[in-house]
Each structure stands twice: as C-alpha cells, then as structure tokens.
C-alpha cells in the first residue's frame, strides 16, 4: 500500500446550482444549494484514500462546526487526521461555488488554511517518514509550498505539485518537484511567454499539462505524448483535477510507468464528474480498474 502525505487545504464547499451564471451586478434564481466537504488538499487526500493509499493529511481547520465536519469526513474516508489541528478562534476555509452552463466558478476563502505554515510543517516532520509521495497545492501560503519542496528534496521523497490556484512559482520549487500538473491556464502563468511544447521539453516526465476533455500532455524525453481522456456525460466537474492528481500520485507511488499512471488518473477523473460534489463522485479503486 502506497503511503501518501497530502499537505494542503481543507474547507467546506457552499455549492449553488443555476442554469445561468450571473454577470456583474446581476441577480439570477438558483436551482439548489448544498454544503459539502472540499478544499484541494482534502479532496486529493480523500481521493487517494479511496484509491487504496495509506493517506495522512497535514492541514488546519477552524474551531467551528465546519471544522468538525471536515475532520469527521476525513475519518469516514480513512484519512489520518493526526496532523490536522484546529486553529483556536478562527473559521474553517470555505469555497463558494456556482455550477452553471456546464462548468463551475469558484471563490476560495482560505481562513484557517493560512495557518499551514512552515513552522507547522516542521512540527509534523515525523509524518514524512516512509512516504512514497507528497502532494501539495497552492491554497496554503506560498512560503509553505517552498518549504515543503525543500523538505522533500532533503528527505528524497518525490513531490507532486498541483499549482492551483495559479500563481507564479520560484524556480527552486519547480526544480525540487518531481511532478508538476497545471491545467492550460495555470501553465500559461507558470511559464509566461514560453510555448507549451518548449515548456514540456524543458521538463521531460515532470511537467504534465491537463487539457480537459482532450487529455493530458507531457514530453517523455523523446516525443510529446497526449494521453486522451475518457468521454463521459458530466454532472459536476468540481474536483476532477483533484481526483486526477490523487490517482496519478497513487499510481506513481505504486511504481506504475508514467503513461499507465496518467491513463489510470484520467479514468479516475472521468468517473469523478459523473456525480455531484468535489468528493461525491470520487471513485474507489475497484471502480477505476473495472473501467480501464
């Protein structure tokens, strides 16, 4: 069983469904409202656990009812919460999501997730022992991402960086990461002015650009490879990227070749969009393998 550490955000998603996305100053009538667990870190931790990994989450929640819900959801999904400490007198992170016109728009309020600091990572270093992969995203402080990349380099643990939400990265972080998985928009920000093909060639078998319904593109050292996605009827695309990253990390940590790891991750991501909620559609291992 692969041991995976996820360093990142945990939140509660407040999800509104509407036939139309409101413009600036516009009010529209919604169709439904739901409250579900989310946060990119938590999503990836839950997805990896459902896919059979031994997962430990490193993060923070508030001392509120949302924080209790987040912790209970981790436990229900067999994610270790030993290193998820509530922050006194602070609210948990939230994501405010509008599902409309076949896609989603999201506003994230980090709140307690800002307390996932370098000092907090140093308090949690024993969690890294024996890890086959560390996963991190960017809903936590930028200095923490840099610090974790240094920790992983020092401990010789591969780091999978999902650079979302998009922001510029220090070159040190790019060099320290074993795998980087931006979507097309995030890749433009990370490698401003550099054509996609050149960026891929610069980082062979490290940079994996997710291209939605087209699939995932990378350079294998000899040629550019596009691993096609699986076509399904999408109900909710929220969390598809998190499912991809988790499945990719699990497959790599288990020793699967890169191409097969991407195929496995694409299949898991395609299944995740067929149900409501970032975590609601995340498949278990048997579901993915049955569809491969």
C-alpha atoms as a PDB file:
ATOM      1  CA  UNK A   1       0.000   0.000   0.000  1.00  0.00           C
ATOM      2  CA  UNK A   2       1.435   3.345  -1.047  1.00  0.00           C
ATOM      3  CA  UNK A   3       1.965   5.859   1.759  1.00  0.00           C
ATOM      4  CA  UNK A   4       0.996   9.352   0.659  1.00  0.00           C
ATOM      5  CA  UNK A   5       1.252  12.629   2.559  1.00  0.00           C
ATOM      6  CA  UNK A   6      -1.030  15.473   1.482  1.00  0.00           C
ATOM      7  CA  UNK A   7      -0.079  18.982   2.573  1.00  0.00           C
ATOM      8  CA  UNK A   8      -2.829  21.432   1.804  1.00  0.00           C
ATOM      9  CA  UNK A   9      -6.204  22.999   2.326  1.00  0.00           C
ATOM     10  CA  UNK A  10      -9.413  21.698   3.848  1.00  0.00           C
ATOM     11  CA  UNK A  11     -12.702  23.518   3.501  1.00  0.00           C
ATOM     12  CA  UNK A  12     -16.437  23.291   3.241  1.00  0.00           C
ATOM     13  CA  UNK A  13     -17.869  23.916  -0.237  1.00  0.00           C
ATOM     14  CA  UNK A  14     -21.043  26.007  -0.461  1.00  0.00           C
ATOM     15  CA  UNK A  15     -22.456  24.997  -3.827  1.00  0.00           C
ATOM     16  CA  UNK A  16     -25.168  26.797  -5.775  1.00  0.00           C
ATOM     17  CA  UNK A  17     -26.603  25.290  -8.962  1.00  0.00           C
ATOM     18  CA  UNK A  18     -28.107  27.607 -11.570  1.00  0.00           C
ATOM     19  CA  UNK A  19     -28.993  27.471 -15.250  1.00  0.00           C
ATOM     20  CA  UNK A  20     -27.213  30.803 -15.751  1.00  0.00           C
ATOM     21  CA  UNK A  21     -24.054  32.321 -14.273  1.00  0.00           C
ATOM     22  CA  UNK A  22     -24.740  35.884 -13.069  1.00  0.00           C
ATOM     23  CA  UNK A  23     -22.781  38.734 -14.561  1.00  0.00           C
ATOM     24  CA  UNK A  24     -21.500  41.734 -12.600  1.00  0.00           C
ATOM     25  CA  UNK A  25     -24.386  43.351 -10.741  1.00  0.00           C
ATOM     26  CA  UNK A  26     -26.848  40.689 -11.899  1.00  0.00           C
ATOM     27  CA  UNK A  27     -29.139  38.530  -9.746  1.00  0.00           C
ATOM     28  CA  UNK A  28     -30.369  35.177 -11.041  1.00  0.00           C
ATOM     29  CA  UNK A  29     -32.539  32.476  -9.483  1.00  0.00           C
ATOM     30  CA  UNK A  30     -30.726  29.345  -8.410  1.00  0.00           C
ATOM     31  CA  UNK A  31     -31.988  25.791  -8.555  1.00  0.00           C
ATOM     32  CA  UNK A  32     -30.332  24.229  -5.484  1.00  0.00           C
ATOM     33  CA  UNK A  33     -27.878  24.780  -2.626  1.00  0.00           C
ATOM     34  CA  UNK A  34     -25.695  22.160  -0.937  1.00  0.00           C
ATOM     35  CA  UNK A  35     -22.925  22.127   1.661  1.00  0.00           C
ATOM     36  CA  UNK A  36     -20.224  19.509   1.004  1.00  0.00           C
ATOM     37  CA  UNK A  37     -16.609  18.844   2.110  1.00  0.00           C
ATOM     38  CA  UNK A  38     -13.921  20.306  -0.128  1.00  0.00           C
ATOM     39  CA  UNK A  39     -10.572  22.073  -0.333  1.00  0.00           C
ATOM     40  CA  UNK A  40      -7.963  20.958  -2.852  1.00  0.00           C
ATOM     41  CA  UNK A  41      -5.816  19.254  -0.233  1.00  0.00           C
ATOM     42  CA  UNK A  42      -8.727  17.460   1.392  1.00  0.00           C
ATOM     43  CA  UNK A  43     -10.132  16.438  -1.978  1.00  0.00           C
ATOM     44  CA  UNK A  44      -6.830  14.897  -3.023  1.00  0.00           C
ATOM     45  CA  UNK A  45      -6.428  13.143   0.323  1.00  0.00           C
ATOM     46  CA  UNK A  46      -9.902  11.594   0.145  1.00  0.00           C
ATOM     47  CA  UNK A  47      -9.461  10.582  -3.494  1.00  0.00           C
ATOM     48  CA  UNK A  48      -6.101   8.913  -2.786  1.00  0.00           C
ATOM     49  CA  UNK A  49      -7.537   7.030   0.202  1.00  0.00           C
ATOM     50  CA  UNK A  50     -10.473   5.751  -1.850  1.00  0.00           C
ATOM     51  CA  UNK A  51      -7.973   4.526  -4.433  1.00  0.00           C
ATOM     52  CA  UNK A  52      -6.231   2.369  -1.848  1.00  0.00           C
ATOM     53  CA  UNK A  53      -3.410   4.530  -0.480  1.00  0.00           C
ATOM     54  CA  UNK A  54      -2.426   4.980   3.179  1.00  0.00           C
ATOM     55  CA  UNK A  55      -3.040   8.737   3.418  1.00  0.00           C
ATOM     56  CA  UNK A  56      -2.053  11.278   6.056  1.00  0.00           C
ATOM     57  CA  UNK A  57      -3.316  14.852   5.814  1.00  0.00           C
ATOM     58  CA  UNK A  58      -1.275  17.812   7.073  1.00  0.00           C
ATOM     59  CA  UNK A  59      -3.529  20.866   7.391  1.00  0.00           C
ATOM     60  CA  UNK A  60      -5.574  23.126   9.648  1.00  0.00           C
ATOM     61  CA  UNK A  61      -9.270  23.700  10.288  1.00  0.00           C
ATOM     62  CA  UNK A  62     -11.172  26.239  12.372  1.00  0.00           C
ATOM     63  CA  UNK A  63     -12.728  25.609  15.781  1.00  0.00           C
ATOM     64  CA  UNK A  64     -16.216  25.725  14.298  1.00  0.00           C
ATOM     65  CA  UNK A  65     -18.871  23.303  13.111  1.00  0.00           C
ATOM     66  CA  UNK A  66     -17.347  23.317   9.626  1.00  0.00           C
ATOM     67  CA  UNK A  67     -14.057  22.152  11.160  1.00  0.00           C
ATOM     68  CA  UNK A  68     -15.817  19.295  12.932  1.00  0.00           C
ATOM     69  CA  UNK A  69     -17.467  18.270   9.673  1.00  0.00           C
ATOM     70  CA  UNK A  70     -14.136  18.305   7.841  1.00  0.00           C
ATOM     71  CA  UNK A  71     -12.465  16.109  10.472  1.00  0.00           C
ATOM     72  CA  UNK A  72     -15.390  13.666  10.540  1.00  0.00           C
ATOM     73  CA  UNK A  73     -15.283  13.406   6.759  1.00  0.00           C
ATOM     74  CA  UNK A  74     -11.573  12.567   6.836  1.00  0.00           C
ATOM     75  CA  UNK A  75     -12.181   9.825   9.383  1.00  0.00           C
ATOM     76  CA  UNK A  76     -15.083   8.418   7.371  1.00  0.00           C
ATOM     77  CA  UNK A  77     -12.767   8.178   4.343  1.00  0.00           C
ATOM     78  CA  UNK A  78      -9.883   6.607   6.312  1.00  0.00           C
ATOM     79  CA  UNK A  79      -7.562   9.632   6.084  1.00  0.00           C
ATOM     80  CA  UNK A  80      -5.337  10.124   9.120  1.00  0.00           C
ATOM     81  CA  UNK A  81      -6.088  13.423  10.910  1.00  0.00           C
ATOM     82  CA  UNK A  82      -3.221  13.255  13.401  1.00  0.00           C
ATOM     83  CA  UNK A  83      -1.697  16.350  11.779  1.00  0.00           C
ATOM     84  CA  UNK A  84      -4.909  18.335  11.195  1.00  0.00           C
ATOM     85  CA  UNK A  85      -5.019  20.641  14.196  1.00  0.00           C
ATOM     86  CA  UNK A  86      -7.920  23.061  14.807  1.00  0.00           C
ATOM     87  CA  UNK A  87      -6.973  26.741  14.990  1.00  0.00           C
ATOM     88  CA  UNK A  88      -8.485  28.479  18.022  1.00  0.00           C
ATOM     89  CA  UNK A  89     -10.826  31.418  17.334  1.00  0.00           C
ATOM     90  CA  UNK A  90     -10.622  31.131  13.548  1.00  0.00           C
ATOM     91  CA  UNK A  91     -13.124  29.920  10.975  1.00  0.00           C
ATOM     92  CA  UNK A  92     -12.518  26.999   8.639  1.00  0.00           C
ATOM     93  CA  UNK A  93     -11.809  27.589   4.986  1.00  0.00           C
ATOM     94  CA  UNK A  94     -14.729  27.815   2.586  1.00  0.00           C
ATOM     95  CA  UNK A  95     -15.205  27.629  -1.176  1.00  0.00           C
ATOM     96  CA  UNK A  96     -18.182  29.344  -2.780  1.00  0.00           C
ATOM     97  CA  UNK A  97     -19.070  27.506  -5.975  1.00  0.00           C
ATOM     98  CA  UNK A  98     -21.522  28.323  -8.741  1.00  0.00           C
ATOM     99  CA  UNK A  99     -22.385  25.447 -11.076  1.00  0.00           C
ATOM    100  CA  UNK A 100     -23.857  26.876 -14.259  1.00  0.00           C
ATOM    101  CA  UNK A 101     -23.744  26.425 -18.023  1.00  0.00           C
ATOM    102  CA  UNK A 102     -21.846  23.137 -17.798  1.00  0.00           C
ATOM    103  CA  UNK A 103     -18.915  24.457 -15.749  1.00  0.00           C
ATOM    104  CA  UNK A 104     -18.008  25.952 -12.374  1.00  0.00           C
ATOM    105  CA  UNK A 105     -16.840  29.273 -10.926  1.00  0.00           C
ATOM    106  CA  UNK A 106     -15.186  29.236  -7.501  1.00  0.00           C
ATOM    107  CA  UNK A 107     -14.227  31.812  -4.845  1.00  0.00           C
ATOM    108  CA  UNK A 108     -11.980  30.409  -2.103  1.00  0.00           C
ATOM    109  CA  UNK A 109     -11.669  31.921   1.400  1.00  0.00           C
ATOM    110  CA  UNK A 110      -8.538  30.371   2.946  1.00  0.00           C
ATOM    111  CA  UNK A 111      -9.123  31.294   6.638  1.00  0.00           C
ATOM    112  CA  UNK A 112      -7.554  28.518   8.818  1.00  0.00           C
ATOM    113  CA  UNK A 113      -5.673  27.193   5.804  1.00  0.00           C
ATOM    114  CA  UNK A 114      -3.377  30.216   6.118  1.00  0.00           C
ATOM    115  CA  UNK A 115      -2.095  28.598   9.313  1.00  0.00           C
ATOM    116  CA  UNK A 116      -0.486  25.733   7.382  1.00  0.00           C
ATOM    117  CA  UNK A 117       2.850  27.473   7.898  1.00  0.00           C
ATOM    118  CA  UNK A 118       6.477  26.332   7.546  1.00  0.00           C
ATOM    119  CA  UNK A 119       6.645  26.123  11.349  1.00  0.00           C
ATOM    120  CA  UNK A 120       3.590  23.842  11.377  1.00  0.00           C
ATOM    121  CA  UNK A 121       5.265  21.619   8.763  1.00  0.00           C
ATOM    122  CA  UNK A 122       8.351  21.378  10.968  1.00  0.00           C
ATOM    123  CA  UNK A 123       6.124  20.226  13.840  1.00  0.00           C
ATOM    124  CA  UNK A 124       4.789  17.472  11.569  1.00  0.00           C
ATOM    125  CA  UNK A 125       8.046  16.148  10.101  1.00  0.00           C
ATOM    126  CA  UNK A 126       7.654  12.650  11.535  1.00  0.00           C
ATOM    127  CA  UNK A 127       4.645  12.215   9.224  1.00  0.00           C
ATOM    128  CA  UNK A 128       7.000  12.188   6.230  1.00  0.00           C
ATOM    129  CA  UNK A 129       8.852   9.061   7.362  1.00  0.00           C
ATOM    130  CA  UNK A 130       8.403   6.257   4.844  1.00  0.00           C
ATOM    131  CA  UNK A 131       6.251   8.307   2.450  1.00  0.00           C
ATOM    132  CA  UNK A 132       6.229   7.254  -1.188  1.00  0.00           C
ATOM    133  CA  UNK A 133       4.831  10.586  -2.386  1.00  0.00           C
ATOM    134  CA  UNK A 134       3.999  14.028  -1.022  1.00  0.00           C
ATOM    135  CA  UNK A 135       1.225  16.052  -2.665  1.00  0.00           C
ATOM    136  CA  UNK A 136       0.805  19.814  -2.351  1.00  0.00           C
ATOM    137  CA  UNK A 137      -1.337  22.580  -3.886  1.00  0.00           C
ATOM    138  CA  UNK A 138      -1.497  26.383  -3.599  1.00  0.00           C
ATOM    139  CA  UNK A 139      -4.448  27.144  -1.305  1.00  0.00           C
ATOM    140  CA  UNK A 140      -1.891  27.491   1.504  1.00  0.00           C
ATOM    141  CA  UNK A 141       0.854  30.140   1.994  1.00  0.00           C
ATOM    142  CA  UNK A 142       3.428  30.384  -0.778  1.00  0.00           C
ATOM    143  CA  UNK A 143       6.305  30.108   1.712  1.00  0.00           C
ATOM    144  CA  UNK A 144       4.927  26.769   2.889  1.00  0.00           C
ATOM    145  CA  UNK A 145       4.993  25.375  -0.643  1.00  0.00           C
ATOM    146  CA  UNK A 146       8.646  26.394  -0.928  1.00  0.00           C
ATOM    147  CA  UNK A 147       9.455  24.929   2.494  1.00  0.00           C
ATOM    148  CA  UNK A 148       7.788  21.589   1.740  1.00  0.00           C
ATOM    149  CA  UNK A 149       9.693  21.369  -1.550  1.00  0.00           C
ATOM    150  CA  UNK A 150      12.933  21.752   0.404  1.00  0.00           C
ATOM    151  CA  UNK A 151      11.862  19.150   2.962  1.00  0.00           C
ATOM    152  CA  UNK A 152      11.061  16.658   0.195  1.00  0.00           C
ATOM    153  CA  UNK A 153      14.381  17.299  -1.526  1.00  0.00           C
ATOM    154  CA  UNK A 154      16.260  16.803   1.748  1.00  0.00           C
ATOM    155  CA  UNK A 155      14.376  13.602   2.576  1.00  0.00           C
ATOM    156  CA  UNK A 156      14.489  12.349  -1.035  1.00  0.00           C
ATOM    157  CA  UNK A 157      10.685  11.992  -1.262  1.00  0.00           C
ATOM    158  CA  UNK A 158       9.043  12.739  -4.637  1.00  0.00           C
ATOM    159  CA  UNK A 159       6.803  15.815  -4.555  1.00  0.00           C
ATOM    160  CA  UNK A 160       3.754  16.164  -6.784  1.00  0.00           C
ATOM    161  CA  UNK A 161       2.860  19.836  -7.096  1.00  0.00           C
ATOM    162  CA  UNK A 162      -0.598  20.766  -8.351  1.00  0.00           C
ATOM    163  CA  UNK A 163      -0.066  24.541  -8.933  1.00  0.00           C
ATOM    164  CA  UNK A 164      -3.660  25.599  -8.322  1.00  0.00           C
ATOM    165  CA  UNK A 165      -4.891  28.231  -7.795  1.00  0.00           C
ATOM    166  CA  UNK A 166      -2.485  29.652 -10.353  1.00  0.00           C
ATOM    167  CA  UNK A 167       0.354  31.876  -9.188  1.00  0.00           C
ATOM    168  CA  UNK A 168       3.999  32.261 -10.139  1.00  0.00           C
ATOM    169  CA  UNK A 169       6.402  29.704  -8.708  1.00  0.00           C
ATOM    170  CA  UNK A 170      10.000  30.139  -7.642  1.00  0.00           C
ATOM    171  CA  UNK A 171      12.400  28.236  -9.857  1.00  0.00           C
ATOM    172  CA  UNK A 172      13.626  26.400  -6.760  1.00  0.00           C
ATOM    173  CA  UNK A 173      10.174  24.881  -6.248  1.00  0.00           C
ATOM    174  CA  UNK A 174       9.970  23.781  -9.887  1.00  0.00           C
ATOM    175  CA  UNK A 175      13.374  22.162  -9.616  1.00  0.00           C
ATOM    176  CA  UNK A 176      12.561  20.437  -6.311  1.00  0.00           C
ATOM    177  CA  UNK A 177       9.255  18.982  -7.508  1.00  0.00           C
ATOM    178  CA  UNK A 178       9.250  15.567  -9.150  1.00  0.00           C
ATOM    179  CA  UNK A 179       5.920  16.163 -10.936  1.00  0.00           C
ATOM    180  CA  UNK A 180       4.014  19.368 -11.767  1.00  0.00           C
ATOM    181  CA  UNK A 181       0.421  19.177 -13.015  1.00  0.00           C
ATOM    182  CA  UNK A 182      -1.004  22.518 -14.192  1.00  0.00           C
ATOM    183  CA  UNK A 183      -4.011  22.925 -16.439  1.00  0.00           C
ATOM    184  CA  UNK A 184      -3.600  25.054 -19.570  1.00  0.00           C
ATOM    185  CA  UNK A 185      -4.422  28.323 -17.783  1.00  0.00           C
ATOM    186  CA  UNK A 186      -2.042  27.582 -14.921  1.00  0.00           C
ATOM    187  CA  UNK A 187       0.730  26.589 -17.338  1.00  0.00           C
ATOM    188  CA  UNK A 188       0.478  29.987 -19.048  1.00  0.00           C
ATOM    189  CA  UNK A 189       1.056  31.716 -15.711  1.00  0.00           C
ATOM    190  CA  UNK A 190       3.874  29.399 -14.645  1.00  0.00           C
ATOM    191  CA  UNK A 191       5.764  29.577 -17.942  1.00  0.00           C
ATOM    192  CA  UNK A 192       4.792  33.022 -19.202  1.00  0.00           C
ATOM    193  CA  UNK A 193       5.879  33.582 -22.786  1.00  0.00           C
ATOM    194  CA  UNK A 194       7.128  30.032 -23.242  1.00  0.00           C
ATOM    195  CA  UNK A 195       5.240  27.950 -25.822  1.00  0.00           C
ATOM    196  CA  UNK A 196       3.693  24.773 -24.421  1.00  0.00           C
ATOM    197  CA  UNK A 197       5.909  22.449 -26.435  1.00  0.00           C
ATOM    198  CA  UNK A 198       9.051  24.233 -25.222  1.00  0.00           C
ATOM    199  CA  UNK A 199       7.923  24.098 -21.600  1.00  0.00           C
ATOM    200  CA  UNK A 200       7.212  20.371 -21.901  1.00  0.00           C
ATOM    201  CA  UNK A 201      10.622  19.717 -23.481  1.00  0.00           C
ATOM    202  CA  UNK A 202      12.304  21.715 -20.735  1.00  0.00           C
ATOM    203  CA  UNK A 203      10.761  19.452 -18.085  1.00  0.00           C
ATOM    204  CA  UNK A 204      10.523  15.907 -19.527  1.00  0.00           C
ATOM    205  CA  UNK A 205       8.478  13.471 -17.442  1.00  0.00           C
ATOM    206  CA  UNK A 206       7.988  16.258 -14.878  1.00  0.00           C
ATOM    207  CA  UNK A 207       5.501  18.662 -16.432  1.00  0.00           C
ATOM    208  CA  UNK A 208       2.040  17.225 -17.139  1.00  0.00           C
ATOM    209  CA  UNK A 209      -0.464  19.705 -18.592  1.00  0.00           C
ATOM    210  CA  UNK A 210      -4.105  18.723 -18.185  1.00  0.00           C
ATOM    211  CA  UNK A 211      -6.205  19.808 -21.143  1.00  0.00           C
ATOM    212  CA  UNK A 212      -9.717  18.971 -20.012  1.00  0.00           C
ATOM    213  CA  UNK A 213     -11.653  16.810 -22.445  1.00  0.00           C
ATOM    214  CA  UNK A 214      -8.600  16.416 -24.694  1.00  0.00           C
ATOM    215  CA  UNK A 215      -6.474  14.646 -22.114  1.00  0.00           C
ATOM    216  CA  UNK A 216      -3.027  15.158 -20.573  1.00  0.00           C
ATOM    217  CA  UNK A 217       0.107  16.236 -22.433  1.00  0.00           C
ATOM    218  CA  UNK A 218       3.738  15.651 -21.473  1.00  0.00           C
ATOM    219  CA  UNK A 219       7.183  15.093 -23.038  1.00  0.00           C
ATOM    220  CA  UNK A 220       8.675  11.666 -22.387  1.00  0.00           C
ATOM    221  CA  UNK A 221      12.258  12.578 -23.284  1.00  0.00           C
ATOM    222  CA  UNK A 222      11.897  11.620 -26.935  1.00  0.00           C
ATOM    223  CA  UNK A 223       8.464  12.824 -28.052  1.00  0.00           C
ATOM    224  CA  UNK A 224       5.412  14.768 -26.948  1.00  0.00           C
ATOM    225  CA  UNK A 225       2.653  12.478 -25.685  1.00  0.00           C
ATOM    226  CA  UNK A 226      -1.069  13.180 -25.392  1.00  0.00           C
ATOM    227  CA  UNK A 227      -2.886  10.673 -23.197  1.00  0.00           C
ATOM    228  CA  UNK A 228      -6.556  11.006 -24.197  1.00  0.00           C
ATOM    229  CA  UNK A 229      -9.297  11.463 -21.643  1.00  0.00           C
ATOM    230  CA  UNK A 230     -12.351   9.236 -21.325  1.00  0.00           C
ATOM    231  CA  UNK A 231     -15.597  10.708 -22.605  1.00  0.00           C
ATOM    232  CA  UNK A 232     -18.498  10.696 -20.146  1.00  0.00           C
ATOM    233  CA  UNK A 233     -21.609  12.763 -19.512  1.00  0.00           C
ATOM    234  CA  UNK A 234     -20.517  15.261 -16.856  1.00  0.00           C
ATOM    235  CA  UNK A 235     -22.792  16.133 -13.935  1.00  0.00           C
ATOM    236  CA  UNK A 236     -20.302  18.222 -11.905  1.00  0.00           C
ATOM    237  CA  UNK A 237     -16.691  18.904 -12.911  1.00  0.00           C
ATOM    238  CA  UNK A 238     -15.701  20.203  -9.451  1.00  0.00           C
ATOM    239  CA  UNK A 239     -12.886  18.042  -8.084  1.00  0.00           C
ATOM    240  CA  UNK A 240     -11.965  16.343 -11.360  1.00  0.00           C
ATOM    241  CA  UNK A 241      -8.484  17.822 -11.258  1.00  0.00           C
ATOM    242  CA  UNK A 242      -8.040  16.776  -7.642  1.00  0.00           C
ATOM    243  CA  UNK A 243      -9.089  13.224  -8.496  1.00  0.00           C
ATOM    244  CA  UNK A 244      -6.616  13.180 -11.395  1.00  0.00           C
ATOM    245  CA  UNK A 245      -3.766  14.325  -9.169  1.00  0.00           C
ATOM    246  CA  UNK A 246      -4.570  11.833  -6.433  1.00  0.00           C
ATOM    247  CA  UNK A 247      -4.858   8.920  -8.843  1.00  0.00           C
ATOM    248  CA  UNK A 248      -1.648   9.964 -10.610  1.00  0.00           C
ATOM    249  CA  UNK A 249       0.186  10.106  -7.270  1.00  0.00           C
ATOM    250  CA  UNK A 250      -1.154   6.723  -6.154  1.00  0.00           C
ATOM    251  CA  UNK A 251      -0.181   5.020  -9.407  1.00  0.00           C
ATOM    252  CA  UNK A 252       3.310   6.553  -9.426  1.00  0.00           C
ATOM    253  CA  UNK A 253       3.871   5.688  -5.762  1.00  0.00           C
ATOM    254  CA  UNK A 254       2.933   2.101  -6.568  1.00  0.00           C
ATOM    255  CA  UNK A 255       5.625   2.025  -9.254  1.00  0.00           C
ATOM    256  CA  UNK A 256       3.465   2.148 -12.361  1.00  0.00           C
ATOM    257  CA  UNK A 257       5.080   3.593 -15.528  1.00  0.00           C
ATOM    258  CA  UNK A 258       4.302   7.227 -16.299  1.00  0.00           C
ATOM    259  CA  UNK A 259       1.993   6.571 -19.264  1.00  0.00           C
ATOM    260  CA  UNK A 260      -0.034   3.972 -17.383  1.00  0.00           C
ATOM    261  CA  UNK A 261      -0.198   6.271 -14.356  1.00  0.00           C
ATOM    262  CA  UNK A 262      -1.684   9.047 -16.489  1.00  0.00           C
ATOM    263  CA  UNK A 263      -4.203   6.633 -18.033  1.00  0.00           C
ATOM    264  CA  UNK A 264      -5.255   5.459 -14.575  1.00  0.00           C
ATOM    265  CA  UNK A 265      -5.600   9.068 -13.418  1.00  0.00           C
ATOM    266  CA  UNK A 266      -7.633  10.043 -16.496  1.00  0.00           C
ATOM    267  CA  UNK A 267     -10.015   7.158 -15.900  1.00  0.00           C
ATOM    268  CA  UNK A 268     -10.480   8.090 -12.241  1.00  0.00           C
ATOM    269  CA  UNK A 269     -11.070  11.755 -13.136  1.00  0.00           C
ATOM    270  CA  UNK A 270     -13.645  10.824 -15.771  1.00  0.00           C
ATOM    271  CA  UNK A 271     -15.625   8.815 -13.221  1.00  0.00           C
ATOM    272  CA  UNK A 272     -15.482  11.642 -10.693  1.00  0.00           C
ATOM    273  CA  UNK A 273     -17.508  14.058 -12.846  1.00  0.00           C
ATOM    274  CA  UNK A 274     -20.497  11.736 -13.164  1.00  0.00           C
ATOM    275  CA  UNK A 275     -21.812  12.604  -9.673  1.00  0.00           C
ATOM    276  CA  UNK A 276     -22.406  15.779  -7.667  1.00  0.00           C
ATOM    277  CA  UNK A 277     -19.771  17.386  -5.445  1.00  0.00           C
ATOM    278  CA  UNK A 278     -15.989  17.590  -5.431  1.00  0.00           C
ATOM    279  CA  UNK A 279     -15.777  14.366  -3.400  1.00  0.00           C
ATOM    280  CA  UNK A 280     -19.180  12.897  -4.194  1.00  0.00           C
ATOM    281  CA  UNK A 281     -18.076  11.251  -7.415  1.00  0.00           C
ATOM    282  CA  UNK A 282     -14.553  10.254  -6.428  1.00  0.00           C
ATOM    283  CA  UNK A 283     -14.305   6.542  -7.263  1.00  0.00           C
ATOM    284  CA  UNK A 284     -12.912   3.657  -5.253  1.00  0.00           C
ATOM    285  CA  UNK A 285     -10.107   1.523  -6.685  1.00  0.00           C
ATOM    286  CA  UNK A 286     -12.358  -1.267  -7.928  1.00  0.00           C
ATOM    287  CA  UNK A 287     -14.492   1.153  -9.966  1.00  0.00           C
ATOM    288  CA  UNK A 288     -11.457   2.546 -11.785  1.00  0.00           C
ATOM    289  CA  UNK A 289      -9.885  -0.828 -12.511  1.00  0.00           C
ATOM    290  CA  UNK A 290     -13.208  -2.202 -13.793  1.00  0.00           C
ATOM    291  CA  UNK A 291     -13.322   0.626 -16.376  1.00  0.00           C
ATOM    292  CA  UNK A 292      -9.702   0.502 -17.528  1.00  0.00           C
END
